Each structure stands twice: as structure tokens, then as C-alpha cells.
Amino acid sequence: MDNLVITAASQVNDGDLLTARLGGRFGRMDRLSQLALLAVERLGAAFDAQPRDRVGICLAVRAGSLSTDVEYWKGRDLAGGLSPTLFTYTLPSSAIGEIAIRHRLTGPNLCFVGNGPALLVEAEDLIRRGETDACVCVFCDSITATAAELIQEPASAQAWAVFLERNGEGVILSPENGRDIASLCVNFCARKSANETNHASLA
């Protein structure tokens, strides 16, 4: 049986958005989509290594689009009324569309609302069933202060992304290393940093 391997990983937070330069469209997105898209951008994944229609996208969002929904609803009291631009992002899956457009990925996609324990399991299943050859997996935790007050949860703004492929070099996905995408990103980045340090010392 082929191994499924995380070949790239990244993590971004609200501070990273301040210096992000991803074109004019990026500035019009809601924060959730910005975080998710930037996390995928920071992967530096080799999407050209396989047909774009064979790369899937799996997204999990902890609080769905609640923060954007709240901002959109607040617009009803403004002179211009509700924002049609913001309305586009009142679906939790909107970030998938932004990722697919930027990277021209046309494979299957899935969106989960919640902490996302099924995220990597479902991505693995897509590959093992032969529906995709690789999968971009993103967990986005974006809750504004206003939304946090409503649901009695802490405010947050961060996203993690991994690129899962059949075979390759990286961290093998297994029950032993868990299914927590944040931990996998930390472990992957630590290994990559250690390898780069070793290569530098040998040069």
C-alpha cells in the first residue's frame, strides 16, 4: 500500500496578513479566506507535479463563516446597506473557491465546520479511493472579537495548511502521528528546519 505523505506544511496568523501581497482581489476577501489562501500560498507546494484536476481541497473552519456573517449583518444599519461583496463570503466554503481560483485546482473539495478532526481522514480517503492524487488540507480558526462574544469562545486568527500526496518526501501520515493538523505542521516545520541546518553544516 502506498504511503500518504505530507510534503509541505505552513502556518499563518493575523500578523502575516499585514504584509501579504496576493493581488487586488486579496484585499476584498473576508479574513477567513485571506488566512486560508495565505496558508496555501506559504506551502510552496508543487501543484504542477500532477494534473490540476487531480488535486483536491479539504477545508475545516472552526466557527464556520460566523465572523463574516456578523460583519455582513452589521451592514444593514449603514447608509449603503448590506455589502454584496461581503455576501459572497457568508458561506464557510468560500475560501475553497478562492484557493481553487488562484491555483487553478479543479479536483474534488470538501468543507467541514468545527475543529476538523475528520479533515485529514477525509483527504486520505479521497486519495486512497483514487478520486485525487494529492490534496490541499487547510484548517482555519478565524473568530473576530464580536463573534467570540456571541459564542463565548476566544477570538483567534490563524490557519494551518498541509499538502498530502501519495508517496514523496516528508512526514508519513499514520495513526501514530495523529490527525491534528496544527501539530503536524509544527512537526513538519521542525524537521524541515533541522534538515536545512544539517545541510548547511555539511556545506
N, C-alpha and C. Protein backbone atom coordinates (compact mmCIF):
# COMPACT_ATOMS: atom_id res chain seq x y z
N MET A 1 0.84 -1.19 0.00
CA MET A 1 0.00 0.00 0.00
C MET A 1 0.88 1.25 0.00
N ASP A 2 0.52 2.21 -0.84
CA ASP A 2 1.29 3.45 -0.89
C ASP A 2 1.17 4.23 0.42
N ASN A 3 2.26 4.91 0.75
CA ASN A 3 2.21 5.82 1.90
C ASN A 3 1.61 7.15 1.46
N LEU A 4 0.88 7.76 2.36
CA LEU A 4 0.43 9.12 2.13
C LEU A 4 1.33 10.02 2.95
N VAL A 5 1.90 11.02 2.28
CA VAL A 5 2.97 11.81 2.87
C VAL A 5 2.63 13.30 2.82
N ILE A 6 2.88 13.97 3.94
CA ILE A 6 2.78 15.43 3.96
C ILE A 6 4.09 15.96 3.42
N THR A 7 4.03 16.59 2.24
CA THR A 7 5.25 17.07 1.58
C THR A 7 5.47 18.57 1.77
N ALA A 8 4.48 19.26 2.33
CA ALA A 8 4.64 20.69 2.60
C ALA A 8 3.66 21.06 3.72
N ALA A 9 4.05 22.04 4.53
CA ALA A 9 3.19 22.49 5.63
C ALA A 9 3.45 23.96 5.90
N SER A 10 2.43 24.65 6.41
CA SER A 10 2.61 26.07 6.74
C SER A 10 1.62 26.47 7.83
N GLN A 11 1.91 27.60 8.46
CA GLN A 11 1.03 28.18 9.46
C GLN A 11 1.09 29.70 9.32
N VAL A 12 -0.06 30.34 9.35
CA VAL A 12 -0.10 31.81 9.28
C VAL A 12 -1.04 32.34 10.36
N ASN A 13 -0.86 33.62 10.69
CA ASN A 13 -1.77 34.26 11.65
C ASN A 13 -2.12 35.66 11.16
N ASP A 14 -2.88 36.36 11.97
CA ASP A 14 -3.37 37.69 11.61
C ASP A 14 -2.23 38.65 11.23
N GLY A 15 -1.11 38.55 11.93
CA GLY A 15 0.03 39.42 11.64
C GLY A 15 0.59 39.22 10.24
N ASP A 16 0.53 37.99 9.74
CA ASP A 16 1.04 37.70 8.40
C ASP A 16 0.22 38.39 7.32
N LEU A 17 -1.05 38.66 7.62
CA LEU A 17 -1.91 39.31 6.62
C LEU A 17 -1.46 40.74 6.33
N LEU A 18 -0.81 41.37 7.31
CA LEU A 18 -0.40 42.76 7.16
C LEU A 18 0.62 42.95 6.05
N THR A 19 1.43 41.93 5.81
CA THR A 19 2.48 42.05 4.78
C THR A 19 2.20 41.21 3.54
N ALA A 20 1.06 40.54 3.50
CA ALA A 20 0.73 39.67 2.37
C ALA A 20 0.43 40.50 1.12
N ARG A 21 0.98 40.08 0.00
CA ARG A 21 0.74 40.76 -1.28
C ARG A 21 0.31 39.71 -2.30
N LEU A 22 -0.98 39.51 -2.41
CA LEU A 22 -1.50 38.48 -3.32
C LEU A 22 -2.47 39.06 -4.34
N GLY A 23 -2.27 40.31 -4.73
CA GLY A 23 -3.12 40.93 -5.74
C GLY A 23 -4.30 41.68 -5.15
N GLY A 24 -4.98 42.44 -6.01
CA GLY A 24 -6.10 43.28 -5.58
C GLY A 24 -7.28 42.50 -5.03
N ARG A 25 -7.51 41.33 -5.56
CA ARG A 25 -8.63 40.50 -5.11
C ARG A 25 -8.49 40.14 -3.62
N PHE A 26 -7.25 39.94 -3.19
CA PHE A 26 -6.99 39.51 -1.81
C PHE A 26 -7.55 40.51 -0.80
N GLY A 27 -7.41 41.79 -1.08
CA GLY A 27 -7.87 42.83 -0.16
C GLY A 27 -9.37 42.88 0.01
N ARG A 28 -10.11 42.32 -0.94
CA ARG A 28 -11.58 42.33 -0.86
C ARG A 28 -12.16 41.11 -0.15
N MET A 29 -11.31 40.15 0.15
CA MET A 29 -11.79 38.91 0.79
C MET A 29 -12.06 39.12 2.27
N ASP A 30 -12.86 38.23 2.84
CA ASP A 30 -13.02 38.23 4.29
C ASP A 30 -11.76 37.64 4.92
N ARG A 31 -11.61 37.81 6.23
CA ARG A 31 -10.38 37.40 6.90
C ARG A 31 -10.17 35.89 6.82
N LEU A 32 -11.24 35.12 6.93
CA LEU A 32 -11.12 33.66 6.87
C LEU A 32 -10.50 33.23 5.54
N SER A 33 -11.01 33.77 4.44
CA SER A 33 -10.48 33.41 3.12
C SER A 33 -9.05 33.90 2.96
N GLN A 34 -8.74 35.08 3.49
CA GLN A 34 -7.36 35.58 3.42
C GLN A 34 -6.40 34.65 4.14
N LEU A 35 -6.77 34.23 5.34
CA LEU A 35 -5.90 33.33 6.12
C LEU A 35 -5.70 31.99 5.41
N ALA A 36 -6.81 31.43 4.91
CA ALA A 36 -6.73 30.13 4.23
C ALA A 36 -5.88 30.23 2.97
N LEU A 37 -6.10 31.27 2.18
CA LEU A 37 -5.36 31.43 0.94
C LEU A 37 -3.87 31.67 1.20
N LEU A 38 -3.57 32.49 2.19
CA LEU A 38 -2.18 32.76 2.51
C LEU A 38 -1.47 31.51 3.02
N ALA A 39 -2.17 30.70 3.81
CA ALA A 39 -1.58 29.45 4.31
C ALA A 39 -1.21 28.53 3.14
N VAL A 40 -2.08 28.46 2.14
CA VAL A 40 -1.81 27.63 0.97
C VAL A 40 -0.66 28.22 0.16
N GLU A 41 -0.64 29.55 0.03
CA GLU A 41 0.43 30.22 -0.69
C GLU A 41 1.80 29.92 -0.05
N ARG A 42 1.83 29.92 1.28
CA ARG A 42 3.08 29.70 2.01
C ARG A 42 3.55 28.23 1.95
N LEU A 43 2.68 27.34 1.49
CA LEU A 43 3.09 25.94 1.35
C LEU A 43 4.25 25.81 0.37
N GLY A 44 4.18 26.60 -0.71
CA GLY A 44 5.18 26.44 -1.77
C GLY A 44 5.08 25.07 -2.41
N ALA A 45 3.86 24.52 -2.44
CA ALA A 45 3.66 23.16 -2.95
C ALA A 45 3.83 23.10 -4.46
N ALA A 46 4.27 21.95 -4.95
CA ALA A 46 4.49 21.74 -6.39
C ALA A 46 3.19 21.28 -7.03
N PHE A 47 2.26 22.20 -7.23
CA PHE A 47 0.98 21.84 -7.84
C PHE A 47 1.14 21.40 -9.29
N ASP A 48 2.23 21.81 -9.93
CA ASP A 48 2.45 21.44 -11.33
C ASP A 48 2.88 19.99 -11.49
N ALA A 49 3.18 19.31 -10.40
CA ALA A 49 3.68 17.93 -10.48
C ALA A 49 2.59 16.94 -10.89
N GLN A 50 1.32 17.33 -10.80
CA GLN A 50 0.22 16.48 -11.24
C GLN A 50 -0.87 17.34 -11.88
N PRO A 51 -1.75 16.72 -12.67
CA PRO A 51 -2.83 17.50 -13.30
C PRO A 51 -3.64 18.23 -12.23
N ARG A 52 -4.02 19.47 -12.53
CA ARG A 52 -4.75 20.29 -11.55
C ARG A 52 -6.11 19.69 -11.19
N ASP A 53 -6.68 18.89 -12.09
CA ASP A 53 -7.98 18.27 -11.78
C ASP A 53 -7.83 17.04 -10.89
N ARG A 54 -6.58 16.70 -10.55
CA ARG A 54 -6.32 15.56 -9.66
C ARG A 54 -5.85 16.03 -8.29
N VAL A 55 -5.97 17.33 -8.04
CA VAL A 55 -5.61 17.89 -6.73
C VAL A 55 -6.89 18.36 -6.04
N GLY A 56 -7.20 17.76 -4.89
CA GLY A 56 -8.41 18.14 -4.14
C GLY A 56 -8.11 19.19 -3.08
N ILE A 57 -9.17 19.72 -2.52
CA ILE A 57 -9.05 20.70 -1.43
C ILE A 57 -10.00 20.29 -0.31
N CYS A 58 -9.46 20.15 0.90
CA CYS A 58 -10.29 19.89 2.08
C CYS A 58 -10.07 21.04 3.07
N LEU A 59 -11.16 21.64 3.49
CA LEU A 59 -11.09 22.80 4.39
C LEU A 59 -11.94 22.53 5.63
N ALA A 60 -11.40 22.88 6.79
CA ALA A 60 -12.19 22.86 8.03
C ALA A 60 -12.12 24.25 8.65
N VAL A 61 -13.25 24.78 9.05
CA VAL A 61 -13.30 26.10 9.67
C VAL A 61 -13.98 25.97 11.03
N ARG A 62 -13.28 26.40 12.08
CA ARG A 62 -13.74 26.15 13.44
C ARG A 62 -15.11 26.74 13.73
N ALA A 63 -15.35 27.97 13.29
CA ALA A 63 -16.63 28.62 13.59
C ALA A 63 -17.42 28.93 12.31
N GLY A 64 -17.15 28.18 11.26
CA GLY A 64 -17.84 28.44 10.01
C GLY A 64 -17.57 29.86 9.54
N SER A 65 -18.56 30.47 8.93
CA SER A 65 -18.42 31.85 8.44
C SER A 65 -19.04 32.85 9.40
N LEU A 66 -19.17 32.48 10.68
CA LEU A 66 -19.88 33.31 11.65
C LEU A 66 -19.34 34.74 11.70
N SER A 67 -18.03 34.91 11.75
CA SER A 67 -17.46 36.26 11.86
C SER A 67 -17.86 37.12 10.66
N THR A 68 -17.82 36.53 9.48
CA THR A 68 -18.22 37.26 8.27
C THR A 68 -19.72 37.53 8.28
N ASP A 69 -20.49 36.55 8.73
CA ASP A 69 -21.95 36.74 8.81
C ASP A 69 -22.30 37.92 9.71
N VAL A 70 -21.60 38.02 10.84
CA VAL A 70 -21.84 39.12 11.79
C VAL A 70 -21.51 40.46 11.14
N GLU A 71 -20.36 40.53 10.46
CA GLU A 71 -19.96 41.78 9.80
C GLU A 71 -20.95 42.15 8.69
N TYR A 72 -21.40 41.15 7.96
CA TYR A 72 -22.36 41.39 6.88
C TYR A 72 -23.67 41.94 7.46
N TRP A 73 -24.15 41.34 8.55
CA TRP A 73 -25.41 41.74 9.14
C TRP A 73 -25.33 43.15 9.73
N LYS A 74 -24.17 43.51 10.23
CA LYS A 74 -23.98 44.87 10.77
C LYS A 74 -24.17 45.93 9.68
N GLY A 75 -23.96 45.56 8.43
CA GLY A 75 -24.09 46.49 7.32
C GLY A 75 -25.50 46.98 7.07
N ARG A 76 -26.49 46.30 7.67
CA ARG A 76 -27.87 46.71 7.43
C ARG A 76 -28.15 48.12 7.97
N ASP A 77 -27.35 48.57 8.92
CA ASP A 77 -27.55 49.90 9.51
C ASP A 77 -26.73 50.98 8.83
N LEU A 78 -25.90 50.59 7.85
CA LEU A 78 -25.07 51.57 7.15
C LEU A 78 -25.83 52.20 6.00
N ALA A 79 -25.35 53.38 5.57
CA ALA A 79 -26.03 54.12 4.51
C ALA A 79 -26.14 53.30 3.22
N GLY A 80 -25.08 52.58 2.88
CA GLY A 80 -25.09 51.79 1.64
C GLY A 80 -25.82 50.47 1.75
N GLY A 81 -26.20 50.10 2.96
CA GLY A 81 -26.87 48.82 3.17
C GLY A 81 -25.92 47.64 3.19
N LEU A 82 -26.47 46.47 3.07
CA LEU A 82 -25.68 45.23 3.13
C LEU A 82 -24.71 45.15 1.95
N SER A 83 -23.51 44.67 2.23
CA SER A 83 -22.45 44.61 1.21
C SER A 83 -22.57 43.38 0.32
N PRO A 84 -22.77 43.57 -0.99
CA PRO A 84 -22.81 42.41 -1.89
C PRO A 84 -21.46 41.70 -1.96
N THR A 85 -20.36 42.44 -1.79
CA THR A 85 -19.03 41.82 -1.81
C THR A 85 -18.86 40.89 -0.62
N LEU A 86 -19.27 41.36 0.56
CA LEU A 86 -19.14 40.55 1.77
C LEU A 86 -20.10 39.36 1.74
N PHE A 87 -21.25 39.54 1.08
CA PHE A 87 -22.23 38.45 0.99
C PHE A 87 -21.61 37.20 0.38
N THR A 88 -20.70 37.39 -0.57
CA THR A 88 -20.02 36.27 -1.23
C THR A 88 -19.34 35.34 -0.22
N TYR A 89 -18.91 35.90 0.90
CA TYR A 89 -18.12 35.14 1.88
C TYR A 89 -18.95 34.65 3.07
N THR A 90 -20.27 34.71 2.95
CA THR A 90 -21.11 34.23 4.05
C THR A 90 -21.40 32.73 3.94
N LEU A 91 -20.55 32.02 3.25
CA LEU A 91 -20.56 30.55 3.22
C LEU A 91 -19.20 30.08 3.71
N PRO A 92 -19.16 29.10 4.59
CA PRO A 92 -17.87 28.62 5.10
C PRO A 92 -16.93 28.10 4.01
N SER A 93 -17.51 27.63 2.90
CA SER A 93 -16.70 27.05 1.83
C SER A 93 -16.14 28.08 0.85
N SER A 94 -16.41 29.36 1.06
CA SER A 94 -15.94 30.38 0.12
C SER A 94 -14.42 30.35 -0.07
N ALA A 95 -13.69 30.06 1.00
CA ALA A 95 -12.22 30.02 0.90
C ALA A 95 -11.75 28.94 -0.08
N ILE A 96 -12.50 27.85 -0.19
CA ILE A 96 -12.14 26.81 -1.15
C ILE A 96 -12.14 27.39 -2.56
N GLY A 97 -13.16 28.17 -2.87
CA GLY A 97 -13.23 28.79 -4.18
C GLY A 97 -12.05 29.70 -4.46
N GLU A 98 -11.64 30.47 -3.45
CA GLU A 98 -10.51 31.38 -3.63
C GLU A 98 -9.21 30.62 -3.87
N ILE A 99 -9.02 29.53 -3.13
CA ILE A 99 -7.83 28.69 -3.31
C ILE A 99 -7.84 28.06 -4.71
N ALA A 100 -9.00 27.53 -5.11
CA ALA A 100 -9.13 26.87 -6.40
C ALA A 100 -8.86 27.85 -7.55
N ILE A 101 -9.38 29.07 -7.44
CA ILE A 101 -9.19 30.08 -8.49
C ILE A 101 -7.72 30.45 -8.62
N ARG A 102 -7.09 30.75 -7.49
CA ARG A 102 -5.69 31.22 -7.55
C ARG A 102 -4.75 30.15 -8.08
N HIS A 103 -4.97 28.90 -7.66
CA HIS A 103 -4.03 27.83 -8.05
C HIS A 103 -4.58 26.93 -9.15
N ARG A 104 -5.75 27.26 -9.69
CA ARG A 104 -6.37 26.52 -10.79
C ARG A 104 -6.53 25.03 -10.45
N LEU A 105 -6.98 24.78 -9.23
CA LEU A 105 -7.20 23.41 -8.78
C LEU A 105 -8.67 23.04 -8.99
N THR A 106 -8.91 22.01 -9.77
CA THR A 106 -10.29 21.66 -10.12
C THR A 106 -10.71 20.27 -9.65
N GLY A 107 -9.94 19.70 -8.72
CA GLY A 107 -10.31 18.40 -8.17
C GLY A 107 -11.45 18.53 -7.18
N PRO A 108 -11.89 17.43 -6.58
CA PRO A 108 -13.00 17.46 -5.61
C PRO A 108 -12.64 18.26 -4.37
N ASN A 109 -13.65 18.78 -3.71
CA ASN A 109 -13.40 19.55 -2.49
C ASN A 109 -14.46 19.27 -1.44
N LEU A 110 -14.06 19.45 -0.19
CA LEU A 110 -14.94 19.23 0.96
C LEU A 110 -14.74 20.34 1.97
N CYS A 111 -15.82 20.72 2.65
CA CYS A 111 -15.73 21.73 3.71
C CYS A 111 -16.38 21.19 4.97
N PHE A 112 -15.68 21.35 6.09
CA PHE A 112 -16.18 20.91 7.39
C PHE A 112 -16.26 22.11 8.33
N VAL A 113 -17.27 22.13 9.18
CA VAL A 113 -17.38 23.17 10.20
C VAL A 113 -17.11 22.52 11.55
N GLY A 114 -16.19 23.11 12.31
CA GLY A 114 -15.83 22.56 13.62
C GLY A 114 -14.32 22.46 13.73
N ASN A 115 -13.86 21.71 14.70
CA ASN A 115 -12.42 21.60 14.94
C ASN A 115 -11.68 20.75 13.91
N GLY A 116 -12.41 20.08 13.07
CA GLY A 116 -11.79 19.41 11.93
C GLY A 116 -11.04 18.13 12.17
N PRO A 117 -11.45 17.27 13.13
CA PRO A 117 -10.71 16.00 13.29
C PRO A 117 -10.83 15.11 12.07
N ALA A 118 -11.87 15.31 11.25
CA ALA A 118 -12.07 14.48 10.06
C ALA A 118 -11.32 14.99 8.84
N LEU A 119 -10.71 16.15 8.95
CA LEU A 119 -10.09 16.80 7.79
C LEU A 119 -9.08 15.90 7.08
N LEU A 120 -8.06 15.45 7.80
CA LEU A 120 -7.02 14.63 7.17
C LEU A 120 -7.52 13.22 6.85
N VAL A 121 -8.46 12.74 7.65
CA VAL A 121 -9.05 11.41 7.38
C VAL A 121 -9.76 11.43 6.04
N GLU A 122 -10.56 12.47 5.80
CA GLU A 122 -11.29 12.57 4.54
C GLU A 122 -10.36 12.80 3.36
N ALA A 123 -9.32 13.61 3.56
CA ALA A 123 -8.35 13.85 2.49
C ALA A 123 -7.65 12.55 2.12
N GLU A 124 -7.28 11.80 3.15
CA GLU A 124 -6.64 10.49 2.93
C GLU A 124 -7.57 9.57 2.15
N ASP A 125 -8.84 9.59 2.51
CA ASP A 125 -9.83 8.74 1.85
C ASP A 125 -9.99 9.11 0.38
N LEU A 126 -9.99 10.41 0.08
CA LEU A 126 -10.10 10.86 -1.32
C LEU A 126 -8.97 10.30 -2.17
N ILE A 127 -7.76 10.30 -1.60
CA ILE A 127 -6.60 9.81 -2.34
C ILE A 127 -6.64 8.28 -2.46
N ARG A 128 -6.94 7.60 -1.38
CA ARG A 128 -6.94 6.14 -1.41
C ARG A 128 -8.03 5.58 -2.32
N ARG A 129 -9.15 6.31 -2.44
CA ARG A 129 -10.23 5.87 -3.35
C ARG A 129 -9.93 6.20 -4.80
N GLY A 130 -8.84 6.93 -5.04
CA GLY A 130 -8.47 7.27 -6.41
C GLY A 130 -9.18 8.47 -6.97
N GLU A 131 -9.87 9.24 -6.13
CA GLU A 131 -10.55 10.44 -6.63
C GLU A 131 -9.58 11.59 -6.86
N THR A 132 -8.46 11.58 -6.12
CA THR A 132 -7.42 12.59 -6.30
C THR A 132 -6.06 11.92 -6.18
N ASP A 133 -5.02 12.62 -6.64
CA ASP A 133 -3.65 12.15 -6.45
C ASP A 133 -2.98 12.88 -5.30
N ALA A 134 -3.53 14.04 -4.93
CA ALA A 134 -2.99 14.86 -3.85
C ALA A 134 -4.11 15.73 -3.31
N CYS A 135 -3.89 16.27 -2.11
CA CYS A 135 -4.94 17.09 -1.50
C CYS A 135 -4.33 18.22 -0.66
N VAL A 136 -4.85 19.41 -0.87
CA VAL A 136 -4.52 20.55 -0.04
C VAL A 136 -5.47 20.52 1.15
N CYS A 137 -4.94 20.50 2.37
CA CYS A 137 -5.77 20.47 3.57
C CYS A 137 -5.53 21.75 4.38
N VAL A 138 -6.60 22.44 4.72
CA VAL A 138 -6.48 23.70 5.45
C VAL A 138 -7.43 23.70 6.64
N PHE A 139 -6.89 24.06 7.81
CA PHE A 139 -7.74 24.28 8.98
C PHE A 139 -7.64 25.75 9.33
N CYS A 140 -8.77 26.43 9.35
CA CYS A 140 -8.80 27.87 9.59
C CYS A 140 -9.58 28.17 10.87
N ASP A 141 -8.94 28.88 11.77
CA ASP A 141 -9.54 29.26 13.04
C ASP A 141 -9.62 30.78 13.06
N SER A 142 -10.73 31.32 12.57
CA SER A 142 -10.89 32.76 12.45
C SER A 142 -12.18 33.21 13.13
N ILE A 143 -12.02 33.82 14.31
CA ILE A 143 -13.17 34.30 15.07
C ILE A 143 -12.87 35.72 15.53
N THR A 144 -13.65 36.68 15.05
CA THR A 144 -13.44 38.08 15.46
C THR A 144 -13.91 38.26 16.90
N ALA A 145 -13.53 39.38 17.49
CA ALA A 145 -13.90 39.68 18.88
C ALA A 145 -15.43 39.72 19.02
N THR A 146 -16.12 40.30 18.03
CA THR A 146 -17.58 40.39 18.10
C THR A 146 -18.22 39.00 18.07
N ALA A 147 -17.75 38.16 17.16
CA ALA A 147 -18.28 36.80 17.07
C ALA A 147 -17.92 35.98 18.30
N ALA A 148 -16.73 36.19 18.83
CA ALA A 148 -16.28 35.47 20.02
C ALA A 148 -17.20 35.75 21.20
N GLU A 149 -17.64 37.00 21.29
CA GLU A 149 -18.54 37.38 22.37
C GLU A 149 -19.88 36.64 22.26
N LEU A 150 -20.34 36.47 21.04
CA LEU A 150 -21.62 35.79 20.80
C LEU A 150 -21.58 34.31 21.19
N ILE A 151 -20.48 33.65 20.88
CA ILE A 151 -20.41 32.21 21.11
C ILE A 151 -19.59 31.84 22.35
N GLN A 152 -19.13 32.87 23.08
CA GLN A 152 -18.35 32.63 24.30
C GLN A 152 -17.12 31.76 24.05
N GLU A 153 -16.39 32.13 22.99
CA GLU A 153 -15.15 31.47 22.63
C GLU A 153 -14.06 32.53 22.50
N PRO A 154 -12.80 32.17 22.62
CA PRO A 154 -11.74 33.17 22.43
C PRO A 154 -11.63 33.62 20.98
N ALA A 155 -11.31 34.88 20.77
CA ALA A 155 -11.06 35.38 19.42
C ALA A 155 -9.77 34.75 18.90
N SER A 156 -9.69 34.56 17.60
CA SER A 156 -8.49 33.94 17.03
C SER A 156 -8.40 34.28 15.54
N ALA A 157 -7.22 34.14 15.00
CA ALA A 157 -6.99 34.39 13.58
C ALA A 157 -5.73 33.65 13.14
N GLN A 158 -5.89 32.39 12.77
CA GLN A 158 -4.76 31.60 12.30
C GLN A 158 -5.24 30.49 11.38
N ALA A 159 -4.33 30.00 10.57
CA ALA A 159 -4.65 28.91 9.66
C ALA A 159 -3.43 28.02 9.48
N TRP A 160 -3.69 26.75 9.29
CA TRP A 160 -2.64 25.76 9.05
C TRP A 160 -2.97 25.07 7.73
N ALA A 161 -1.95 24.73 6.97
CA ALA A 161 -2.17 24.02 5.71
C ALA A 161 -1.12 22.94 5.53
N VAL A 162 -1.53 21.83 4.93
CA VAL A 162 -0.59 20.77 4.56
C VAL A 162 -0.93 20.30 3.15
N PHE A 163 0.09 19.80 2.46
CA PHE A 163 -0.11 19.21 1.14
C PHE A 163 0.14 17.73 1.27
N LEU A 164 -0.89 16.94 1.03
CA LEU A 164 -0.86 15.50 1.21
C LEU A 164 -0.76 14.82 -0.16
N GLU A 165 0.27 13.97 -0.32
CA GLU A 165 0.48 13.30 -1.60
C GLU A 165 0.71 11.81 -1.39
N ARG A 166 0.54 11.07 -2.48
CA ARG A 166 0.86 9.64 -2.44
C ARG A 166 2.38 9.50 -2.61
N ASN A 167 3.03 8.96 -1.60
CA ASN A 167 4.50 8.83 -1.57
C ASN A 167 5.17 10.20 -1.58
N GLY A 168 6.45 10.27 -1.82
CA GLY A 168 7.17 11.54 -1.76
C GLY A 168 7.98 11.65 -0.48
N GLU A 169 8.65 12.78 -0.32
CA GLU A 169 9.49 13.02 0.86
C GLU A 169 8.77 13.94 1.83
N GLY A 170 8.77 13.56 3.09
CA GLY A 170 8.11 14.36 4.11
C GLY A 170 7.71 13.52 5.30
N VAL A 171 6.60 13.85 5.91
CA VAL A 171 6.11 13.14 7.10
C VAL A 171 5.00 12.18 6.67
N ILE A 172 5.21 10.90 6.93
CA ILE A 172 4.20 9.90 6.57
C ILE A 172 2.98 10.06 7.48
N LEU A 173 1.81 10.11 6.88
CA LEU A 173 0.57 10.22 7.65
C LEU A 173 0.24 8.84 8.22
N SER A 174 0.12 8.76 9.53
CA SER A 174 -0.17 7.48 10.18
C SER A 174 -0.91 7.73 11.48
N PRO A 175 -1.57 6.70 12.02
CA PRO A 175 -2.26 6.87 13.30
C PRO A 175 -1.32 7.32 14.41
N GLU A 176 -0.04 6.96 14.29
CA GLU A 176 0.93 7.32 15.33
C GLU A 176 1.18 8.83 15.42
N ASN A 177 1.18 9.49 14.27
CA ASN A 177 1.44 10.93 14.34
C ASN A 177 0.16 11.76 14.45
N GLY A 178 -0.96 11.07 14.61
CA GLY A 178 -2.21 11.76 14.91
C GLY A 178 -2.84 12.41 13.70
N ARG A 179 -3.94 13.09 13.95
CA ARG A 179 -4.68 13.75 12.88
C ARG A 179 -4.85 15.23 13.16
N ASP A 180 -4.10 15.76 14.12
CA ASP A 180 -4.18 17.17 14.46
C ASP A 180 -3.30 17.96 13.51
N ILE A 181 -3.92 18.74 12.63
CA ILE A 181 -3.17 19.42 11.58
C ILE A 181 -2.18 20.45 12.14
N ALA A 182 -2.54 21.11 13.24
CA ALA A 182 -1.63 22.09 13.84
C ALA A 182 -0.35 21.41 14.32
N SER A 183 -0.49 20.28 15.01
CA SER A 183 0.69 19.54 15.49
C SER A 183 1.53 19.02 14.33
N LEU A 184 0.86 18.53 13.28
CA LEU A 184 1.59 18.04 12.13
C LEU A 184 2.40 19.15 11.45
N CYS A 185 1.81 20.35 11.39
CA CYS A 185 2.52 21.48 10.79
C CYS A 185 3.76 21.84 11.61
N VAL A 186 3.61 21.86 12.94
CA VAL A 186 4.73 22.17 13.82
C VAL A 186 5.84 21.13 13.65
N ASN A 187 5.46 19.84 13.64
CA ASN A 187 6.44 18.76 13.50
C ASN A 187 7.14 18.82 12.14
N PHE A 188 6.36 19.08 11.10
CA PHE A 188 6.93 19.14 9.75
C PHE A 188 7.94 20.27 9.64
N CYS A 189 7.55 21.45 10.12
CA CYS A 189 8.42 22.62 10.03
C CYS A 189 9.69 22.43 10.88
N ALA A 190 9.56 21.76 12.03
CA ALA A 190 10.72 21.49 12.88
C ALA A 190 11.69 20.54 12.17
N ARG A 191 11.16 19.50 11.52
CA ARG A 191 12.02 18.56 10.79
C ARG A 191 12.71 19.25 9.62
N LYS A 192 11.93 20.07 8.90
CA LYS A 192 12.49 20.79 7.75
C LYS A 192 13.62 21.72 8.19
N SER A 193 13.39 22.42 9.30
CA SER A 193 14.40 23.34 9.82
C SER A 193 15.67 22.58 10.23
N ALA A 194 15.48 21.42 10.89
CA ALA A 194 16.62 20.60 11.32
C ALA A 194 17.41 20.10 10.11
N ASN A 195 16.68 19.66 9.06
CA ASN A 195 17.34 19.18 7.85
C ASN A 195 18.14 20.29 7.16
N GLU A 196 17.54 21.49 7.11
CA GLU A 196 18.24 22.61 6.48
C GLU A 196 19.50 22.98 7.26
N THR A 197 19.41 22.89 8.59
CA THR A 197 20.58 23.19 9.43
C THR A 197 21.69 22.16 9.18
N ASN A 198 21.28 20.87 9.07
CA ASN A 198 22.25 19.80 8.82
C ASN A 198 22.93 19.99 7.45
N HIS A 199 22.13 20.33 6.44
CA HIS A 199 22.69 20.53 5.09
C HIS A 199 23.66 21.71 5.09
N ALA A 200 23.28 22.77 5.83
CA ALA A 200 24.13 23.96 5.88
C ALA A 200 25.46 23.64 6.55
N SER A 201 25.43 22.82 7.59
CA SER A 201 26.66 22.48 8.30
C SER A 201 27.57 21.57 7.50
N LEU A 202 26.96 20.79 6.59
CA LEU A 202 27.76 19.90 5.74
C LEU A 202 28.34 20.63 4.54
N ALA A 203 27.78 21.78 4.21
CA ALA A 203 28.24 22.51 3.01
C ALA A 203 29.62 23.13 3.23
